[in-house]
Amino acid sequence: RSRSKSQKETVLVVYSYWDGSGHRREMTAEKGWTIGEFLTKVRADLATQFQEIRVVSVADLMYIKEDLIIPHAYTFYDLIKAKARGKSGPLFHFGVHQDIRLVADVRIEKDESHPGKVITRSWYERNKHVFPASRWEIYDPSVQREQYTIRDTLKKH
């Protein structure tokens, strides 16, 4: 019962439609919504302003949060309950906020979250070799992320 009640609670999700530049929006979503359900509502919202969104199905939209591609079947509740972490920040904060600290100490985890990106699969396929898409990988809840990164440390410069 409490899980069902929790899934009906709402969360403000700040996202950016990403077509090479960001178009920031926000939407109130139920925690129990799947990413696919969220993208259905996002598509309806964006279609009024972006012609390319009108011709793509929800299956051709992707949600990227903290450099991870979140599969459509996951719910916001799943990410919140697991306190899931992405490559560059928490997956369980959907607003955009920063904990401004007087002393910059890299040992202290900052409570900051970046807006999730909504992109078309075709944009991803054209740009997956270019930053930031080159950092993105599919979310896997079995991968434990202890520290956040902001650059790809595997590539030699």
C-alpha atoms as a PDB file:
ATOM      1  CA  ARG A   1       0.000   0.000   0.000  1.00  0.00           C
ATOM      2  CA  SER A   2       2.662   2.521   0.970  1.00  0.00           C
ATOM      3  CA  ARG A   3       4.556   1.767  -2.263  1.00  0.00           C
ATOM      4  CA  SER A   4       1.403   2.458  -4.262  1.00  0.00           C
ATOM      5  CA  LYS A   5       0.843   5.676  -2.326  1.00  0.00           C
ATOM      6  CA  SER A   6       4.486   6.713  -2.830  1.00  0.00           C
ATOM      7  CA  GLN A   7       4.218   6.102  -6.566  1.00  0.00           C
ATOM      8  CA  LYS A   8       1.258   8.501  -6.770  1.00  0.00           C
ATOM      9  CA  GLU A   9       3.327  11.293  -5.204  1.00  0.00           C
ATOM     10  CA  THR A  10       4.624  13.849  -7.651  1.00  0.00           C
ATOM     11  CA  VAL A  11       8.089  15.098  -8.422  1.00  0.00           C
ATOM     12  CA  LEU A  12       9.117  18.132 -10.476  1.00  0.00           C
ATOM     13  CA  VAL A  13      11.279  16.944 -13.368  1.00  0.00           C
ATOM     14  CA  VAL A  14      13.465  19.533 -15.043  1.00  0.00           C
ATOM     15  CA  TYR A  15      14.557  18.393 -18.479  1.00  0.00           C
ATOM     16  CA  SER A  16      16.054  19.836 -21.597  1.00  0.00           C
ATOM     17  CA  TYR A  17      15.049  18.883 -25.101  1.00  0.00           C
ATOM     18  CA  TRP A  18      18.479  18.485 -26.672  1.00  0.00           C
ATOM     19  CA  ASP A  19      18.938  18.977 -30.405  1.00  0.00           C
ATOM     20  CA  GLY A  20      22.496  20.252 -30.142  1.00  0.00           C
ATOM     21  CA  SER A  21      21.397  23.057 -27.860  1.00  0.00           C
ATOM     22  CA  GLY A  22      19.193  22.866 -24.805  1.00  0.00           C
ATOM     23  CA  HIS A  23      15.537  23.872 -24.550  1.00  0.00           C
ATOM     24  CA  ARG A  24      14.772  23.690 -20.839  1.00  0.00           C
ATOM     25  CA  ARG A  25      11.347  22.680 -19.581  1.00  0.00           C
ATOM     26  CA  GLU A  26       9.848  21.246 -16.439  1.00  0.00           C
ATOM     27  CA  MET A  27       6.991  18.881 -15.800  1.00  0.00           C
ATOM     28  CA  THR A  28       5.278  17.476 -12.745  1.00  0.00           C
ATOM     29  CA  ALA A  29       5.388  13.690 -12.933  1.00  0.00           C
ATOM     30  CA  GLU A  30       4.112  10.917 -10.706  1.00  0.00           C
ATOM     31  CA  LYS A  31       6.930   8.897  -9.157  1.00  0.00           C
ATOM     32  CA  GLY A  32       5.286   5.720 -10.471  1.00  0.00           C
ATOM     33  CA  TRP A  33       5.467   6.838 -14.107  1.00  0.00           C
ATOM     34  CA  THR A  34       7.825   4.888 -16.303  1.00  0.00           C
ATOM     35  CA  ILE A  35      10.329   6.851 -18.342  1.00  0.00           C
ATOM     36  CA  GLY A  36       8.255   5.830 -21.367  1.00  0.00           C
ATOM     37  CA  GLU A  37       5.112   7.386 -19.846  1.00  0.00           C
ATOM     38  CA  PHE A  38       7.084  10.530 -19.017  1.00  0.00           C
ATOM     39  CA  LEU A  39       8.404  10.731 -22.585  1.00  0.00           C
ATOM     40  CA  THR A  40       4.841  10.358 -23.930  1.00  0.00           C
ATOM     41  CA  LYS A  41       3.857  13.506 -22.017  1.00  0.00           C
ATOM     42  CA  VAL A  42       7.093  15.288 -22.966  1.00  0.00           C
ATOM     43  CA  ARG A  43       6.470  14.493 -26.633  1.00  0.00           C
ATOM     44  CA  ALA A  44       2.990  16.005 -26.453  1.00  0.00           C
ATOM     45  CA  ASP A  45       4.430  19.137 -24.820  1.00  0.00           C
ATOM     46  CA  LEU A  46       7.331  19.547 -27.252  1.00  0.00           C
ATOM     47  CA  ALA A  47       5.353  18.762 -30.429  1.00  0.00           C
ATOM     48  CA  THR A  48       3.701  22.183 -30.327  1.00  0.00           C
ATOM     49  CA  GLN A  49       7.084  23.910 -30.742  1.00  0.00           C
ATOM     50  CA  PHE A  50       9.390  21.398 -32.437  1.00  0.00           C
ATOM     51  CA  GLN A  51       8.260  19.964 -35.757  1.00  0.00           C
ATOM     52  CA  GLU A  52      10.788  17.092 -35.657  1.00  0.00           C
ATOM     53  CA  ILE A  53       9.128  15.789 -32.465  1.00  0.00           C
ATOM     54  CA  ARG A  54       5.745  15.490 -34.195  1.00  0.00           C
ATOM     55  CA  VAL A  55       7.037  12.787 -36.538  1.00  0.00           C
ATOM     56  CA  VAL A  56       8.856  10.561 -34.031  1.00  0.00           C
ATOM     57  CA  SER A  57       7.283   7.932 -31.820  1.00  0.00           C
ATOM     58  CA  VAL A  58       7.943   7.749 -28.093  1.00  0.00           C
ATOM     59  CA  ALA A  59      10.092   4.671 -28.794  1.00  0.00           C
ATOM     60  CA  ASP A  60      12.397   7.010 -30.750  1.00  0.00           C
ATOM     61  CA  LEU A  61      12.876   9.372 -27.803  1.00  0.00           C
ATOM     62  CA  MET A  62      15.570   8.847 -25.193  1.00  0.00           C
ATOM     63  CA  TYR A  63      15.962  10.202 -21.658  1.00  0.00           C
ATOM     64  CA  ILE A  64      19.532  10.861 -20.539  1.00  0.00           C
ATOM     65  CA  LYS A  65      20.212  11.649 -16.880  1.00  0.00           C
ATOM     66  CA  GLU A  66      23.716  12.231 -15.497  1.00  0.00           C
ATOM     67  CA  ASP A  67      25.322  10.700 -18.615  1.00  0.00           C
ATOM     68  CA  LEU A  68      23.200   7.538 -18.449  1.00  0.00           C
ATOM     69  CA  ILE A  69      20.529   6.490 -20.937  1.00  0.00           C
ATOM     70  CA  ILE A  70      17.556   5.487 -18.798  1.00  0.00           C
ATOM     71  CA  PRO A  71      15.539   2.652 -20.395  1.00  0.00           C
ATOM     72  CA  HIS A  72      11.818   3.323 -20.845  1.00  0.00           C
ATOM     73  CA  ALA A  73      10.705   0.596 -18.395  1.00  0.00           C
ATOM     74  CA  TYR A  74      12.241   2.194 -15.273  1.00  0.00           C
ATOM     75  CA  THR A  75      10.076   4.415 -13.073  1.00  0.00           C
ATOM     76  CA  PHE A  76      11.109   7.556 -11.241  1.00  0.00           C
ATOM     77  CA  TYR A  77      10.237   5.610  -8.080  1.00  0.00           C
ATOM     78  CA  ASP A  78      12.792   2.910  -9.020  1.00  0.00           C
ATOM     79  CA  LEU A  79      15.548   5.523  -9.307  1.00  0.00           C
ATOM     80  CA  ILE A  80      14.546   7.346  -6.119  1.00  0.00           C
ATOM     81  CA  LYS A  81      14.166   4.192  -4.019  1.00  0.00           C
ATOM     82  CA  ALA A  82      17.546   2.846  -5.148  1.00  0.00           C
ATOM     83  CA  LYS A  83      19.203   6.267  -4.664  1.00  0.00           C
ATOM     84  CA  ALA A  84      20.672   5.522  -8.073  1.00  0.00           C
ATOM     85  CA  ARG A  85      23.775   7.394  -9.109  1.00  0.00           C
ATOM     86  CA  GLY A  86      24.834   8.403 -12.583  1.00  0.00           C
ATOM     87  CA  LYS A  87      28.279   9.162 -13.933  1.00  0.00           C
ATOM     88  CA  SER A  88      28.056  12.878 -13.154  1.00  0.00           C
ATOM     89  CA  GLY A  89      25.422  13.165 -10.404  1.00  0.00           C
ATOM     90  CA  PRO A  90      22.471  11.545  -8.641  1.00  0.00           C
ATOM     91  CA  LEU A  91      19.727   9.965 -10.738  1.00  0.00           C
ATOM     92  CA  PHE A  92      17.191  10.461  -7.965  1.00  0.00           C
ATOM     93  CA  HIS A  93      17.116  14.296  -8.022  1.00  0.00           C
ATOM     94  CA  PHE A  94      15.005  15.548 -10.902  1.00  0.00           C
ATOM     95  CA  GLY A  95      15.001  19.263 -10.194  1.00  0.00           C
ATOM     96  CA  VAL A  96      18.079  21.382 -10.790  1.00  0.00           C
ATOM     97  CA  HIS A  97      19.722  22.729  -7.677  1.00  0.00           C
ATOM     98  CA  GLN A  98      23.172  23.297  -6.335  1.00  0.00           C
ATOM     99  CA  ASP A  99      24.585  23.280  -2.849  1.00  0.00           C
ATOM    100  CA  ILE A 100      26.772  26.360  -2.931  1.00  0.00           C
ATOM    101  CA  ARG A 101      29.726  25.838  -0.636  1.00  0.00           C
ATOM    102  CA  LEU A 102      32.026  28.514   0.726  1.00  0.00           C
ATOM    103  CA  VAL A 103      35.028  26.193   0.543  1.00  0.00           C
ATOM    104  CA  ALA A 104      35.489  24.102  -2.585  1.00  0.00           C
ATOM    105  CA  ASP A 105      36.512  20.681  -1.270  1.00  0.00           C
ATOM    106  CA  VAL A 106      36.632  17.881  -3.842  1.00  0.00           C
ATOM    107  CA  ARG A 107      36.306  15.284  -1.064  1.00  0.00           C
ATOM    108  CA  ILE A 108      32.791  16.531  -0.244  1.00  0.00           C
ATOM    109  CA  GLU A 109      30.021  15.267  -2.498  1.00  0.00           C
ATOM    110  CA  LYS A 110      27.999  18.170  -3.815  1.00  0.00           C
ATOM    111  CA  ASP A 111      24.246  17.885  -3.874  1.00  0.00           C
ATOM    112  CA  GLU A 112      23.776  19.041  -7.413  1.00  0.00           C
ATOM    113  CA  SER A 113      21.740  17.706 -10.245  1.00  0.00           C
ATOM    114  CA  HIS A 114      21.721  18.453 -13.941  1.00  0.00           C
ATOM    115  CA  PRO A 115      18.566  18.542 -16.033  1.00  0.00           C
ATOM    116  CA  GLY A 116      17.865  15.304 -17.835  1.00  0.00           C
ATOM    117  CA  LYS A 117      18.097  15.468 -21.606  1.00  0.00           C
ATOM    118  CA  VAL A 118      15.359  14.325 -23.945  1.00  0.00           C
ATOM    119  CA  ILE A 119      16.722  13.507 -27.369  1.00  0.00           C
ATOM    120  CA  THR A 120      15.644  11.740 -30.519  1.00  0.00           C
ATOM    121  CA  ARG A 121      17.290   8.410 -31.260  1.00  0.00           C
ATOM    122  CA  SER A 122      18.299   9.752 -34.698  1.00  0.00           C
ATOM    123  CA  TRP A 123      20.143  12.683 -33.067  1.00  0.00           C
ATOM    124  CA  TYR A 124      21.943  10.217 -30.808  1.00  0.00           C
ATOM    125  CA  GLU A 125      22.928   7.960 -33.719  1.00  0.00           C
ATOM    126  CA  ARG A 126      24.378  10.959 -35.617  1.00  0.00           C
ATOM    127  CA  ASN A 127      26.256  12.318 -32.582  1.00  0.00           C
ATOM    128  CA  LYS A 128      27.207   9.378 -30.357  1.00  0.00           C
ATOM    129  CA  HIS A 129      30.888   9.780 -31.248  1.00  0.00           C
ATOM    130  CA  VAL A 130      30.913  13.447 -30.107  1.00  0.00           C
ATOM    131  CA  PHE A 131      30.888  14.851 -26.551  1.00  0.00           C
ATOM    132  CA  PRO A 132      28.591  14.792 -24.582  1.00  0.00           C
ATOM    133  CA  ALA A 133      26.907  11.791 -26.232  1.00  0.00           C
ATOM    134  CA  SER A 134      30.215   9.916 -26.368  1.00  0.00           C
ATOM    135  CA  ARG A 135      30.085   9.669 -22.542  1.00  0.00           C
ATOM    136  CA  TRP A 136      26.599   8.234 -22.391  1.00  0.00           C
ATOM    137  CA  GLU A 137      25.953   4.606 -21.568  1.00  0.00           C
ATOM    138  CA  ILE A 138      22.855   2.584 -20.730  1.00  0.00           C
ATOM    139  CA  TYR A 139      21.832   2.628 -17.066  1.00  0.00           C
ATOM    140  CA  ASP A 140      22.601  -0.625 -15.295  1.00  0.00           C
ATOM    141  CA  PRO A 141      21.440  -0.754 -11.658  1.00  0.00           C
ATOM    142  CA  SER A 142      24.095  -3.355 -10.839  1.00  0.00           C
ATOM    143  CA  VAL A 143      26.902  -0.854 -11.537  1.00  0.00           C
ATOM    144  CA  GLN A 144      27.849   0.959  -8.332  1.00  0.00           C
ATOM    145  CA  ARG A 145      29.191   4.462  -8.876  1.00  0.00           C
ATOM    146  CA  GLU A 146      31.190   5.785  -5.949  1.00  0.00           C
ATOM    147  CA  GLN A 147      32.462   9.005  -7.489  1.00  0.00           C
ATOM    148  CA  TYR A 148      31.097  11.317 -10.129  1.00  0.00           C
ATOM    149  CA  THR A 149      33.145  12.264 -13.161  1.00  0.00           C
ATOM    150  CA  ILE A 150      32.794  15.169 -15.521  1.00  0.00           C
ATOM    151  CA  ARG A 151      35.199  14.063 -18.228  1.00  0.00           C
ATOM    152  CA  ASP A 152      35.956  10.823 -19.894  1.00  0.00           C
ATOM    153  CA  THR A 153      39.079   9.560 -18.121  1.00  0.00           C
ATOM    154  CA  LEU A 154      39.479   6.548 -20.409  1.00  0.00           C
ATOM    155  CA  LYS A 155      40.352   8.582 -23.498  1.00  0.00           C
ATOM    156  CA  LYS A 156      43.883   9.768 -23.992  1.00  0.00           C
ATOM    157  CA  HIS A 157      44.172  13.408 -24.989  1.00  0.00           C
END
